[in-house]
C-alpha atoms as a PDB file:
ATOM      1  CA  MET A   1      -0.024 -25.098  11.888  1.00  0.00           C
ATOM      2  CA  LEU A   2      -1.670 -21.675  11.862  1.00  0.00           C
ATOM      3  CA  LYS A   3      -3.900 -20.954   8.876  1.00  0.00           C
ATOM      4  CA  ALA A   4      -4.022 -17.514   7.284  1.00  0.00           C
ATOM      5  CA  LEU A   5      -6.186 -16.157   4.485  1.00  0.00           C
ATOM      6  CA  ILE A   6      -4.846 -13.263   2.395  1.00  0.00           C
ATOM      7  CA  THR A   7      -7.009 -11.320  -0.036  1.00  0.00           C
ATOM      8  CA  GLY A   8      -5.143  -9.393  -2.693  1.00  0.00           C
ATOM      9  CA  ILE A   9      -2.315 -11.918  -2.394  1.00  0.00           C
ATOM     10  CA  ASN A  10      -1.058 -11.060  -5.878  1.00  0.00           C
ATOM     11  CA  GLY A  11      -0.510  -7.426  -4.949  1.00  0.00           C
ATOM     12  CA  GLN A  12       2.589  -5.833  -3.458  1.00  0.00           C
ATOM     13  CA  ASP A  13       1.573  -6.186   0.199  1.00  0.00           C
ATOM     14  CA  GLY A  14      -0.145  -9.536  -0.197  1.00  0.00           C
ATOM     15  CA  ALA A  15       2.917 -11.081  -1.823  1.00  0.00           C
ATOM     16  CA  TYR A  16       5.317  -9.809   0.849  1.00  0.00           C
ATOM     17  CA  LEU A  17       2.987 -10.986   3.613  1.00  0.00           C
ATOM     18  CA  CYS A  18       2.652 -14.393   1.960  1.00  0.00           C
ATOM     19  CA  LYS A  19       6.434 -14.773   1.986  1.00  0.00           C
ATOM     20  CA  LEU A  20       6.615 -13.713   5.654  1.00  0.00           C
ATOM     21  CA  LEU A  21       3.865 -16.071   6.830  1.00  0.00           C
ATOM     22  CA  LEU A  22       5.252 -19.037   4.926  1.00  0.00           C
ATOM     23  CA  SER A  23       8.655 -18.417   6.529  1.00  0.00           C
ATOM     24  CA  LYS A  24       6.937 -18.600   9.928  1.00  0.00           C
ATOM     25  CA  GLY A  25       5.293 -21.946   9.198  1.00  0.00           C
ATOM     26  CA  TYR A  26       1.767 -20.835   8.293  1.00  0.00           C
ATOM     27  CA  LYS A  27      -0.562 -22.568   5.897  1.00  0.00           C
ATOM     28  CA  VAL A  28      -1.492 -19.689   3.567  1.00  0.00           C
ATOM     29  CA  TYR A  29      -4.668 -19.444   1.518  1.00  0.00           C
ATOM     30  CA  GLY A  30      -4.632 -16.676  -1.034  1.00  0.00           C
ATOM     31  CA  ILE A  31      -7.354 -14.954  -3.019  1.00  0.00           C
ATOM     32  CA  GLY A  32      -6.404 -12.878  -6.008  1.00  0.00           C
ATOM     33  CA  LYS A  33      -6.533 -12.652  -9.752  1.00  0.00           C
ATOM     34  CA  GLY A  34      -5.421 -15.996 -11.073  1.00  0.00           C
ATOM     35  CA  ASN A  35      -3.781 -15.329 -14.413  1.00  0.00           C
ATOM     36  CA  ALA A  36      -0.057 -15.794 -15.025  1.00  0.00           C
ATOM     37  CA  LYS A  37       0.728 -12.073 -15.014  1.00  0.00           C
ATOM     38  CA  SER A  38      -0.966 -11.400 -11.695  1.00  0.00           C
ATOM     39  CA  VAL A  39       0.998 -14.068  -9.790  1.00  0.00           C
ATOM     40  CA  SER A  40       4.298 -12.646 -11.033  1.00  0.00           C
ATOM     41  CA  ARG A  41       5.014 -11.034  -7.659  1.00  0.00           C
ATOM     42  CA  LEU A  42       4.762 -14.405  -5.915  1.00  0.00           C
ATOM     43  CA  LYS A  43       7.151 -15.790  -8.517  1.00  0.00           C
ATOM     44  CA  LEU A  44       9.600 -12.944  -7.944  1.00  0.00           C
ATOM     45  CA  LEU A  45       9.611 -13.816  -4.239  1.00  0.00           C
ATOM     46  CA  ASN A  46       9.959 -17.518  -5.126  1.00  0.00           C
ATOM     47  CA  VAL A  47       6.918 -18.615  -3.112  1.00  0.00           C
ATOM     48  CA  HIS A  48       4.389 -19.371  -5.872  1.00  0.00           C
ATOM     49  CA  GLU A  49       5.026 -23.133  -5.672  1.00  0.00           C
ATOM     50  CA  HIS A  50       5.427 -23.397  -1.900  1.00  0.00           C
ATOM     51  CA  PRO A  51       3.716 -26.569  -0.564  1.00  0.00           C
ATOM     52  CA  ASN A  52       1.924 -24.568   2.151  1.00  0.00           C
ATOM     53  CA  LEU A  53       0.417 -22.053  -0.282  1.00  0.00           C
ATOM     54  CA  VAL A  54      -3.060 -22.615  -1.703  1.00  0.00           C
ATOM     55  CA  LEU A  55      -4.397 -20.135  -4.255  1.00  0.00           C
ATOM     56  CA  LEU A  56      -8.173 -19.885  -4.318  1.00  0.00           C
ATOM     57  CA  SER A  57     -10.826 -18.354  -6.531  1.00  0.00           C
ATOM     58  CA  CYS A  58     -13.577 -16.417  -4.760  1.00  0.00           C
ATOM     59  CA  ASP A  59     -15.659 -13.395  -5.708  1.00  0.00           C
ATOM     60  CA  ILE A  60     -15.230 -11.391  -2.516  1.00  0.00           C
ATOM     61  CA  SER A  61     -17.840  -8.854  -3.596  1.00  0.00           C
ATOM     62  CA  HIS A  62     -20.483 -11.434  -2.533  1.00  0.00           C
ATOM     63  CA  TYR A  63     -21.116 -11.969   1.180  1.00  0.00           C
ATOM     64  CA  GLU A  64     -22.418 -15.537   0.937  1.00  0.00           C
ATOM     65  CA  LEU A  65     -19.329 -16.699  -0.951  1.00  0.00           C
ATOM     66  CA  ILE A  66     -17.094 -15.197   1.729  1.00  0.00           C
ATOM     67  CA  ARG A  67     -19.151 -16.836   4.451  1.00  0.00           C
ATOM     68  CA  GLN A  68     -18.949 -20.249   2.764  1.00  0.00           C
ATOM     69  CA  LEU A  69     -15.200 -19.919   2.348  1.00  0.00           C
ATOM     70  CA  LEU A  70     -14.575 -18.984   5.980  1.00  0.00           C
ATOM     71  CA  ALA A  71     -16.814 -21.816   7.187  1.00  0.00           C
ATOM     72  CA  GLU A  72     -14.723 -24.245   5.151  1.00  0.00           C
ATOM     73  CA  ILE A  73     -11.241 -22.948   6.023  1.00  0.00           C
ATOM     74  CA  GLU A  74     -11.756 -21.520   9.535  1.00  0.00           C
ATOM     75  CA  PRO A  75      -8.586 -19.425   9.293  1.00  0.00           C
ATOM     76  CA  ASP A  76      -6.775 -18.234  12.405  1.00  0.00           C
ATOM     77  CA  GLU A  77      -5.877 -14.939  10.740  1.00  0.00           C
ATOM     78  CA  ILE A  78      -7.387 -13.026   7.816  1.00  0.00           C
ATOM     79  CA  TYR A  79      -5.561 -10.194   6.052  1.00  0.00           C
ATOM     80  CA  ASN A  80      -7.595  -8.043   3.705  1.00  0.00           C
ATOM     81  CA  PHE A  81      -5.572  -6.138   1.103  1.00  0.00           C
ATOM     82  CA  ALA A  82      -8.228  -6.351  -1.590  1.00  0.00           C
ATOM     83  CA  ALA A  83      -9.163  -2.884  -2.795  1.00  0.00           C
ATOM     84  CA  TYR A  84      -9.545  -0.815  -5.892  1.00  0.00           C
ATOM     85  CA  SER A  85      -6.410   1.066  -4.918  1.00  0.00           C
ATOM     86  CA  PHE A  86      -5.503   3.317  -7.846  1.00  0.00           C
ATOM     87  CA  VAL A  87      -6.679   6.626  -6.367  1.00  0.00           C
ATOM     88  CA  ALA A  88      -6.384   8.637  -9.585  1.00  0.00           C
ATOM     89  CA  ASP A  89      -8.942   6.425 -11.336  1.00  0.00           C
ATOM     90  CA  SER A  90     -11.343   5.905  -8.424  1.00  0.00           C
ATOM     91  CA  HIS A  91     -13.826   8.480  -9.784  1.00  0.00           C
ATOM     92  CA  ASN A  92     -14.379   6.315 -12.880  1.00  0.00           C
ATOM     93  CA  ASN A  93     -15.313   3.076 -11.110  1.00  0.00           C
ATOM     94  CA  PRO A  94     -17.716   3.947  -8.260  1.00  0.00           C
ATOM     95  CA  LEU A  95     -19.515   0.576  -8.213  1.00  0.00           C
ATOM     96  CA  LEU A  96     -16.326  -1.500  -8.146  1.00  0.00           C
ATOM     97  CA  LEU A  97     -14.870   0.858  -5.566  1.00  0.00           C
ATOM     98  CA  HIS A  98     -17.910   0.473  -3.305  1.00  0.00           C
ATOM     99  CA  MET A  99     -18.186  -3.306  -3.621  1.00  0.00           C
ATOM    100  CA  VAL A 100     -14.535  -4.171  -3.041  1.00  0.00           C
ATOM    101  CA  THR A 101     -13.025  -1.320  -1.030  1.00  0.00           C
ATOM    102  CA  ALA A 102     -15.983  -0.365   1.171  1.00  0.00           C
ATOM    103  CA  SER A 103     -18.196  -3.464   1.479  1.00  0.00           C
ATOM    104  CA  THR A 104     -15.866  -6.472   1.365  1.00  0.00           C
ATOM    105  CA  PRO A 105     -14.205  -5.726   4.740  1.00  0.00           C
ATOM    106  CA  ILE A 106     -17.648  -5.590   6.353  1.00  0.00           C
ATOM    107  CA  PHE A 107     -18.623  -8.866   4.691  1.00  0.00           C
ATOM    108  CA  PHE A 108     -15.613 -10.514   6.322  1.00  0.00           C
ATOM    109  CA  ALA A 109     -16.358  -9.066   9.746  1.00  0.00           C
ATOM    110  CA  GLU A 110     -19.996 -10.130   9.584  1.00  0.00           C
ATOM    111  CA  ALA A 111     -19.087 -13.632   8.392  1.00  0.00           C
ATOM    112  CA  ILE A 112     -16.635 -14.047  11.277  1.00  0.00           C
ATOM    113  CA  ARG A 113     -19.283 -12.825  13.730  1.00  0.00           C
ATOM    114  CA  SER A 114     -22.161 -14.902  12.375  1.00  0.00           C
ATOM    115  CA  LEU A 115     -20.096 -18.095  12.186  1.00  0.00           C
ATOM    116  CA  ARG A 116     -18.699 -17.445  15.667  1.00  0.00           C
ATOM    117  CA  LEU A 117     -15.167 -17.954  14.450  1.00  0.00           C
ATOM    118  CA  LYS A 118     -12.127 -16.970  16.469  1.00  0.00           C
ATOM    119  CA  SER A 119     -10.419 -15.554  13.393  1.00  0.00           C
ATOM    120  CA  LYS A 120      -8.340 -12.405  13.795  1.00  0.00           C
ATOM    121  CA  PHE A 121      -8.997  -9.880  11.028  1.00  0.00           C
ATOM    122  CA  PHE A 122      -6.692  -7.250   9.543  1.00  0.00           C
ATOM    123  CA  GLN A 123      -7.944  -4.419   7.365  1.00  0.00           C
ATOM    124  CA  ALA A 124      -5.552  -2.387   5.228  1.00  0.00           C
ATOM    125  CA  SER A 125      -6.710   1.198   5.617  1.00  0.00           C
ATOM    126  CA  SER A 126      -5.051   4.240   4.061  1.00  0.00           C
ATOM    127  CA  SER A 127      -3.734   7.699   4.859  1.00  0.00           C
ATOM    128  CA  GLU A 128      -6.324   8.899   2.316  1.00  0.00           C
ATOM    129  CA  ILE A 129      -8.938   8.676   5.077  1.00  0.00           C
ATOM    130  CA  PHE A 130      -7.429  11.857   6.538  1.00  0.00           C
ATOM    131  CA  GLY A 131      -7.603  13.747   3.238  1.00  0.00           C
ATOM    132  CA  ASP A 132      -8.111  17.433   3.962  1.00  0.00           C
ATOM    133  CA  SER A 133      -7.344  17.231   7.660  1.00  0.00           C
ATOM    134  CA  TYR A 134      -5.746  20.408   9.006  1.00  0.00           C
ATOM    135  CA  GLU A 135      -3.527  18.348  11.304  1.00  0.00           C
ATOM    136  CA  SER A 136      -0.096  17.183  10.168  1.00  0.00           C
ATOM    137  CA  PRO A 137       1.400  14.810  11.067  1.00  0.00           C
ATOM    138  CA  GLN A 138      -1.705  12.699  11.584  1.00  0.00           C
ATOM    139  CA  THR A 139      -2.260  10.292  14.467  1.00  0.00           C
ATOM    140  CA  GLU A 140      -4.838   7.569  15.076  1.00  0.00           C
ATOM    141  CA  LYS A 141      -7.028  10.240  16.714  1.00  0.00           C
ATOM    142  CA  THR A 142      -6.974  12.653  13.752  1.00  0.00           C
ATOM    143  CA  LEU A 143     -10.410  13.484  12.356  1.00  0.00           C
ATOM    144  CA  LEU A 144     -11.274  11.586   9.167  1.00  0.00           C
ATOM    145  CA  GLN A 145     -11.796  13.976   6.242  1.00  0.00           C
ATOM    146  CA  PRO A 146     -11.410  12.013   2.987  1.00  0.00           C
ATOM    147  CA  ARG A 147     -11.253  14.079  -0.209  1.00  0.00           C
ATOM    148  CA  ASN A 148     -11.704  11.439  -2.930  1.00  0.00           C
ATOM    149  CA  PRO A 149     -13.885   8.344  -3.549  1.00  0.00           C
ATOM    150  CA  TYR A 150     -11.092   5.966  -2.561  1.00  0.00           C
ATOM    151  CA  GLY A 151     -10.597   7.752   0.757  1.00  0.00           C
ATOM    152  CA  LEU A 152     -14.347   7.761   1.357  1.00  0.00           C
ATOM    153  CA  ALA A 153     -14.591   4.013   0.749  1.00  0.00           C
ATOM    154  CA  LYS A 154     -11.652   3.295   3.068  1.00  0.00           C
ATOM    155  CA  SER A 155     -13.109   5.628   5.685  1.00  0.00           C
ATOM    156  CA  TYR A 156     -16.450   3.805   5.648  1.00  0.00           C
ATOM    157  CA  ALA A 157     -14.775   0.430   6.162  1.00  0.00           C
ATOM    158  CA  HIS A 158     -12.493   1.893   8.830  1.00  0.00           C
ATOM    159  CA  GLN A 159     -15.374   3.218  10.938  1.00  0.00           C
ATOM    160  CA  MET A 160     -17.600   0.182  10.467  1.00  0.00           C
ATOM    161  CA  LEU A 161     -14.834  -2.160  11.583  1.00  0.00           C
ATOM    162  CA  ASP A 162     -14.222   0.013  14.626  1.00  0.00           C
ATOM    163  CA  THR A 163     -17.887  -0.539  15.483  1.00  0.00           C
ATOM    164  CA  TYR A 164     -17.557  -4.315  15.070  1.00  0.00           C
ATOM    165  CA  ARG A 165     -14.468  -4.308  17.283  1.00  0.00           C
ATOM    166  CA  SER A 166     -16.168  -2.435  20.104  1.00  0.00           C
ATOM    167  CA  LEU A 167     -19.722  -3.819  19.936  1.00  0.00           C
ATOM    168  CA  HIS A 168     -18.865  -7.471  19.334  1.00  0.00           C
ATOM    169  CA  SER A 169     -15.472  -7.675  21.069  1.00  0.00           C
ATOM    170  CA  MET A 170     -13.876  -8.917  17.856  1.00  0.00           C
ATOM    171  CA  PHE A 171     -10.151  -9.036  17.181  1.00  0.00           C
ATOM    172  CA  ILE A 172      -9.916  -6.533  14.360  1.00  0.00           C
ATOM    173  CA  VAL A 173      -6.701  -4.686  13.549  1.00  0.00           C
ATOM    174  CA  THR A 174      -6.804  -1.670  11.249  1.00  0.00           C
ATOM    175  CA  GLY A 175      -3.535  -0.551   9.725  1.00  0.00           C
ATOM    176  CA  ILE A 176      -3.523   3.001   8.412  1.00  0.00           C
ATOM    177  CA  LEU A 177      -0.863   2.605   5.754  1.00  0.00           C
ATOM    178  CA  TYR A 178       0.967   5.602   4.350  1.00  0.00           C
ATOM    179  CA  ASN A 179       2.615   5.417   0.935  1.00  0.00           C
ATOM    180  CA  HIS A 180       4.800   2.334   0.867  1.00  0.00           C
ATOM    181  CA  GLU A 181       6.770   1.262  -2.167  1.00  0.00           C
ATOM    182  CA  SER A 182       8.988  -1.568  -3.393  1.00  0.00           C
ATOM    183  CA  PRO A 183      10.186  -3.266  -6.565  1.00  0.00           C
ATOM    184  CA  LEU A 184       6.799  -5.028  -6.551  1.00  0.00           C
ATOM    185  CA  ARG A 185       4.891  -1.745  -6.963  1.00  0.00           C
ATOM    186  CA  ASP A 186       2.587  -1.512  -9.977  1.00  0.00           C
ATOM    187  CA  ASN A 187       3.874   0.622 -12.863  1.00  0.00           C
ATOM    188  CA  ARG A 188       0.765   2.837 -12.729  1.00  0.00           C
ATOM    189  CA  PHE A 189       2.001   4.401  -9.501  1.00  0.00           C
ATOM    190  CA  VAL A 190       4.246   7.447  -9.706  1.00  0.00           C
ATOM    191  CA  THR A 191       7.181   5.952  -7.809  1.00  0.00           C
ATOM    192  CA  ARG A 192       7.519   2.955 -10.108  1.00  0.00           C
ATOM    193  CA  LYS A 193       7.012   5.210 -13.129  1.00  0.00           C
ATOM    194  CA  ILE A 194       9.968   7.256 -11.891  1.00  0.00           C
ATOM    195  CA  THR A 195      12.328   4.361 -11.149  1.00  0.00           C
ATOM    196  CA  SER A 196      11.546   2.455 -14.345  1.00  0.00           C
ATOM    197  CA  THR A 197      12.090   5.584 -16.471  1.00  0.00           C
ATOM    198  CA  VAL A 198      15.340   6.379 -14.646  1.00  0.00           C
ATOM    199  CA  ALA A 199      16.469   2.823 -15.412  1.00  0.00           C
ATOM    200  CA  GLU A 200      15.580   3.268 -19.097  1.00  0.00           C
ATOM    201  CA  ILE A 201      17.622   6.482 -19.255  1.00  0.00           C
ATOM    202  CA  ALA A 202      20.533   4.801 -17.461  1.00  0.00           C
ATOM    203  CA  LYS A 203      20.461   2.057 -20.095  1.00  0.00           C
ATOM    204  CA  GLY A 204      20.921   4.704 -22.793  1.00  0.00           C
ATOM    205  CA  ASN A 205      17.364   4.963 -24.078  1.00  0.00           C
ATOM    206  CA  GLU A 206      16.398   8.405 -25.343  1.00  0.00           C
ATOM    207  CA  THR A 207      13.399   9.031 -23.135  1.00  0.00           C
ATOM    208  CA  ILE A 208      12.201  11.811 -20.842  1.00  0.00           C
ATOM    209  CA  LEU A 209      10.411  11.419 -17.514  1.00  0.00           C
ATOM    210  CA  GLU A 210       7.089  13.284 -17.704  1.00  0.00           C
ATOM    211  CA  ILE A 211       5.597  13.999 -14.310  1.00  0.00           C
ATOM    212  CA  GLY A 212       2.941  16.023 -12.485  1.00  0.00           C
ATOM    213  CA  ASN A 213       3.424  18.419  -9.569  1.00  0.00           C
ATOM    214  CA  LEU A 214       7.019  18.150  -8.371  1.00  0.00           C
ATOM    215  CA  ASP A 215       6.117  19.894  -5.108  1.00  0.00           C
ATOM    216  CA  SER A 216       3.617  17.203  -4.027  1.00  0.00           C
ATOM    217  CA  VAL A 217       4.708  15.736  -0.706  1.00  0.00           C
ATOM    218  CA  ARG A 218       4.355  12.158   0.495  1.00  0.00           C
ATOM    219  CA  ASP A 219       5.435   9.929   3.369  1.00  0.00           C
ATOM    220  CA  TRP A 220       7.218   7.079   1.556  1.00  0.00           C
ATOM    221  CA  GLY A 221       8.317   3.841   3.229  1.00  0.00           C
ATOM    222  CA  PHE A 222       9.356   0.306   2.256  1.00  0.00           C
ATOM    223  CA  ALA A 223       6.449  -2.115   1.821  1.00  0.00           C
ATOM    224  CA  GLU A 224       8.216  -5.196   3.200  1.00  0.00           C
ATOM    225  CA  GLU A 225       8.856  -3.376   6.497  1.00  0.00           C
ATOM    226  CA  TYR A 226       5.208  -2.311   6.707  1.00  0.00           C
ATOM    227  CA  VAL A 227       4.032  -5.886   6.192  1.00  0.00           C
ATOM    228  CA  PHE A 228       6.118  -7.008   9.168  1.00  0.00           C
ATOM    229  CA  GLY A 229       4.434  -4.282  11.234  1.00  0.00           C
ATOM    230  CA  ILE A 230       1.035  -5.579  10.129  1.00  0.00           C
ATOM    231  CA  TRP A 231       1.881  -9.112  11.215  1.00  0.00           C
ATOM    232  CA  SER A 232       3.236  -7.813  14.541  1.00  0.00           C
ATOM    233  CA  ALA A 233      -0.035  -5.980  15.203  1.00  0.00           C
ATOM    234  CA  MET A 234      -1.952  -9.232  14.668  1.00  0.00           C
ATOM    235  CA  GLN A 235       0.233 -10.977  17.269  1.00  0.00           C
ATOM    236  CA  HIS A 236      -0.430  -8.341  19.932  1.00  0.00           C
ATOM    237  CA  LYS A 237      -2.733  -9.421  22.742  1.00  0.00           C
ATOM    238  CA  ILE A 238      -5.209  -6.599  22.105  1.00  0.00           C
ATOM    239  CA  SER A 239      -6.535  -5.564  18.711  1.00  0.00           C
ATOM    240  CA  ASP A 240      -6.307  -1.896  17.805  1.00  0.00           C
ATOM    241  CA  GLU A 241      -5.626   0.537  14.974  1.00  0.00           C
ATOM    242  CA  TYR A 242      -2.124   1.664  14.060  1.00  0.00           C
ATOM    243  CA  ILE A 243      -0.483   4.121  11.708  1.00  0.00           C
ATOM    244  CA  PHE A 244       2.434   2.702   9.713  1.00  0.00           C
ATOM    245  CA  SER A 245       4.565   5.497   8.292  1.00  0.00           C
ATOM    246  CA  THR A 246       8.035   7.043   8.265  1.00  0.00           C
ATOM    247  CA  GLY A 247       6.951  10.451   9.543  1.00  0.00           C
ATOM    248  CA  ILE A 248       9.274  12.081   6.976  1.00  0.00           C
ATOM    249  CA  GLU A 249       8.137  14.572   4.330  1.00  0.00           C
ATOM    250  CA  SER A 250       9.576  14.040   0.841  1.00  0.00           C
ATOM    251  CA  SER A 251       8.538  15.651  -2.424  1.00  0.00           C
ATOM    252  CA  VAL A 252       8.184  14.043  -5.836  1.00  0.00           C
ATOM    253  CA  ARG A 253      11.237  16.108  -6.786  1.00  0.00           C
ATOM    254  CA  ASP A 254      13.189  14.471  -3.936  1.00  0.00           C
ATOM    255  CA  PHE A 255      12.185  11.006  -5.111  1.00  0.00           C
ATOM    256  CA  ILE A 256      13.330  11.778  -8.663  1.00  0.00           C
ATOM    257  CA  THR A 257      16.615  13.311  -7.505  1.00  0.00           C
ATOM    258  CA  LEU A 258      17.478  10.305  -5.338  1.00  0.00           C
ATOM    259  CA  SER A 259      16.460   7.844  -8.049  1.00  0.00           C
ATOM    260  CA  PHE A 260      18.785   9.453 -10.605  1.00  0.00           C
ATOM    261  CA  SER A 261      21.503   9.726  -7.954  1.00  0.00           C
ATOM    262  CA  SER A 262      21.456   5.931  -7.544  1.00  0.00           C
ATOM    263  CA  THR A 263      22.649   5.678 -11.169  1.00  0.00           C
ATOM    264  CA  GLY A 264      25.356   8.322 -10.693  1.00  0.00           C
ATOM    265  CA  VAL A 265      23.408  11.140 -12.354  1.00  0.00           C
ATOM    266  CA  ARG A 266      22.927  14.512 -10.670  1.00  0.00           C
ATOM    267  CA  VAL A 267      19.754  16.392 -11.588  1.00  0.00           C
ATOM    268  CA  TYR A 268      19.775  20.185 -11.860  1.00  0.00           C
ATOM    269  CA  TRP A 269      16.373  21.831 -11.577  1.00  0.00           C
ATOM    270  CA  ARG A 270      15.423  24.798 -13.748  1.00  0.00           C
ATOM    271  CA  GLY A 271      12.281  26.960 -13.730  1.00  0.00           C
ATOM    272  CA  GLU A 272       9.251  26.531 -11.509  1.00  0.00           C
ATOM    273  CA  GLY A 273       5.684  25.237 -11.448  1.00  0.00           C
ATOM    274  CA  ILE A 274       4.435  23.702 -14.665  1.00  0.00           C
ATOM    275  CA  ASN A 275       7.533  25.010 -16.483  1.00  0.00           C
ATOM    276  CA  GLU A 276      10.059  23.295 -14.225  1.00  0.00           C
ATOM    277  CA  VAL A 277      12.477  20.833 -15.824  1.00  0.00           C
ATOM    278  CA  GLY A 278      15.310  18.610 -14.659  1.00  0.00           C
ATOM    279  CA  VAL A 279      18.557  18.410 -16.639  1.00  0.00           C
ATOM    280  CA  ASP A 280      21.913  16.700 -16.255  1.00  0.00           C
ATOM    281  CA  GLU A 281      25.317  18.398 -16.022  1.00  0.00           C
ATOM    282  CA  ASN A 282      25.357  18.806 -19.821  1.00  0.00           C
ATOM    283  CA  GLU A 283      21.898  20.436 -19.792  1.00  0.00           C
ATOM    284  CA  LYS A 284      20.355  17.358 -21.376  1.00  0.00           C
ATOM    285  CA  LEU A 285      16.626  17.224 -20.588  1.00  0.00           C
ATOM    286  CA  LEU A 286      15.756  14.402 -18.164  1.00  0.00           C
ATOM    287  CA  VAL A 287      12.489  15.502 -16.535  1.00  0.00           C
ATOM    288  CA  ARG A 288       9.629  17.780 -17.521  1.00  0.00           C
ATOM    289  CA  VAL A 289       6.212  18.552 -16.094  1.00  0.00           C
ATOM    290  CA  ASN A 290       3.242  17.358 -18.141  1.00  0.00           C
ATOM    291  CA  LYS A 291       0.165  19.525 -17.614  1.00  0.00           C
ATOM    292  CA  ASP A 292      -2.079  16.467 -18.080  1.00  0.00           C
ATOM    293  CA  PHE A 293      -0.580  14.949 -14.919  1.00  0.00           C
ATOM    294  CA  TYR A 294      -0.411  18.187 -12.957  1.00  0.00           C
ATOM    295  CA  ARG A 295      -2.577  18.585  -9.846  1.00  0.00           C
ATOM    296  CA  GLU A 296      -2.381  21.360  -7.299  1.00  0.00           C
ATOM    297  CA  LYS A 297      -0.533  20.522  -4.113  1.00  0.00           C
ATOM    298  CA  GLU A 298      -2.788  19.305  -1.287  1.00  0.00           C
ATOM    299  CA  LYS A 299      -3.709  21.722   1.495  1.00  0.00           C
ATOM    300  CA  THR A 300      -2.358  19.349   4.119  1.00  0.00           C
ATOM    301  CA  ASN A 301       0.607  17.017   3.848  1.00  0.00           C
ATOM    302  CA  LEU A 302      -0.302  13.409   4.592  1.00  0.00           C
ATOM    303  CA  ILE A 303       2.512  12.596   7.004  1.00  0.00           C
ATOM    304  CA  GLY A 304       1.973   9.909   9.627  1.00  0.00           C
ATOM    305  CA  ASP A 305       2.950   9.720  13.273  1.00  0.00           C
ATOM    306  CA  SER A 306       3.650   6.020  13.961  1.00  0.00           C
ATOM    307  CA  SER A 307       4.562   6.514  17.631  1.00  0.00           C
ATOM    308  CA  LYS A 308       1.785   4.161  18.739  1.00  0.00           C
ATOM    309  CA  ALA A 309       3.157   1.306  16.603  1.00  0.00           C
ATOM    310  CA  LYS A 310       6.630   1.984  17.976  1.00  0.00           C
ATOM    311  CA  ASN A 311       5.501   2.076  21.597  1.00  0.00           C
ATOM    312  CA  LYS A 312       3.107  -0.896  21.520  1.00  0.00           C
ATOM    313  CA  LEU A 313       4.604  -3.116  18.825  1.00  0.00           C
ATOM    314  CA  GLY A 314       8.256  -2.083  18.794  1.00  0.00           C
ATOM    315  CA  TRP A 315       7.882  -1.280  15.085  1.00  0.00           C
ATOM    316  CA  GLN A 316       9.428   1.591  13.180  1.00  0.00           C
ATOM    317  CA  SER A 317      10.517   2.277   9.629  1.00  0.00           C
ATOM    318  CA  THR A 318      14.281   1.991   9.110  1.00  0.00           C
ATOM    319  CA  VAL A 319      14.800   1.972   5.318  1.00  0.00           C
ATOM    320  CA  THR A 320      15.619   5.506   4.150  1.00  0.00           C
ATOM    321  CA  LEU A 321      14.134   7.051   1.019  1.00  0.00           C
ATOM    322  CA  GLN A 322      17.571   6.991  -0.610  1.00  0.00           C
ATOM    323  CA  GLU A 323      17.871   3.263   0.081  1.00  0.00           C
ATOM    324  CA  LEU A 324      14.340   2.649  -1.190  1.00  0.00           C
ATOM    325  CA  CYS A 325      14.951   4.540  -4.443  1.00  0.00           C
ATOM    326  CA  LYS A 326      18.176   2.615  -5.062  1.00  0.00           C
ATOM    327  CA  LEU A 327      16.447  -0.697  -4.327  1.00  0.00           C
ATOM    328  CA  MET A 328      13.720   0.049  -6.869  1.00  0.00           C
ATOM    329  CA  VAL A 329      16.016   1.456  -9.572  1.00  0.00           C
ATOM    330  CA  ASP A 330      18.442  -1.458  -9.234  1.00  0.00           C
ATOM    331  CA  PHE A 331      15.544  -3.860  -9.684  1.00  0.00           C
ATOM    332  CA  ASP A 332      14.316  -2.004 -12.768  1.00  0.00           C
ATOM    333  CA  LEU A 333      17.834  -1.984 -14.208  1.00  0.00           C
ATOM    334  CA  LYS A 334      17.846  -5.777 -13.990  1.00  0.00           C
END
């Protein structure tokens, strides 16, 4: 039985990966926040009581604790999703951001090296490492130009792990993940804010969706598909870095329009910029821009070219944005 260790197992990606690995006969060890609320995603996927799942407690901001854990478990595969991942708040928590997002991946790599383990290691990187790149779509060879603390932390880990891979011949896979959503997405993120509010309106609640820049563009995919790509990369004979993305540009406005459409409501857009609003066929206000959430559109659209993953792993995104929006809204309606 293969043994896998997942950090951030209570998050969106960690939970989906846990389900996938258990279905393939792995023994899964998971590190994450241990309270009842945080394991809710595992419960939603009906894996929280699986006999081959062991939930552990470990402060992964300390190298020695990581080293002790790996020496005890000797996992075949390690998947690191642990990160302080809410980009909008990353400026307010620089120490936590550095310890977890930047340093923890290096702690794992060094522990594997020093213990001489044969563990394969996966690091969840982010499209934020490209930041203000003037190249779009981005590829694995695009220059790293992060524009926020989160992107900087991910960029540091990304480059350090590349060094470990080349200097020490370690099996380290880096997945550059573009925006990927699902019903398991945290409510702090804009996509889940949209779908949950659309569901509230569909249920008859008198509420209005308040949003930031409607022109902001993202590359949105389905998280469960991305997790399968991650696992596939770890099964490849050679470790490498891969972009996982749809390659399709979609605006926040598009996401809202499709989300309402899944409930049978057509949105009509009026005005522009900070004064833009969305109304229904009776001119009832559904969406308005809140200046407190408004940020200027990025200079470069973060759109990924996942050709390498397609060519080497046979992976590509297949769930459309319309299907994703409906999946999330239907879940929120329930």
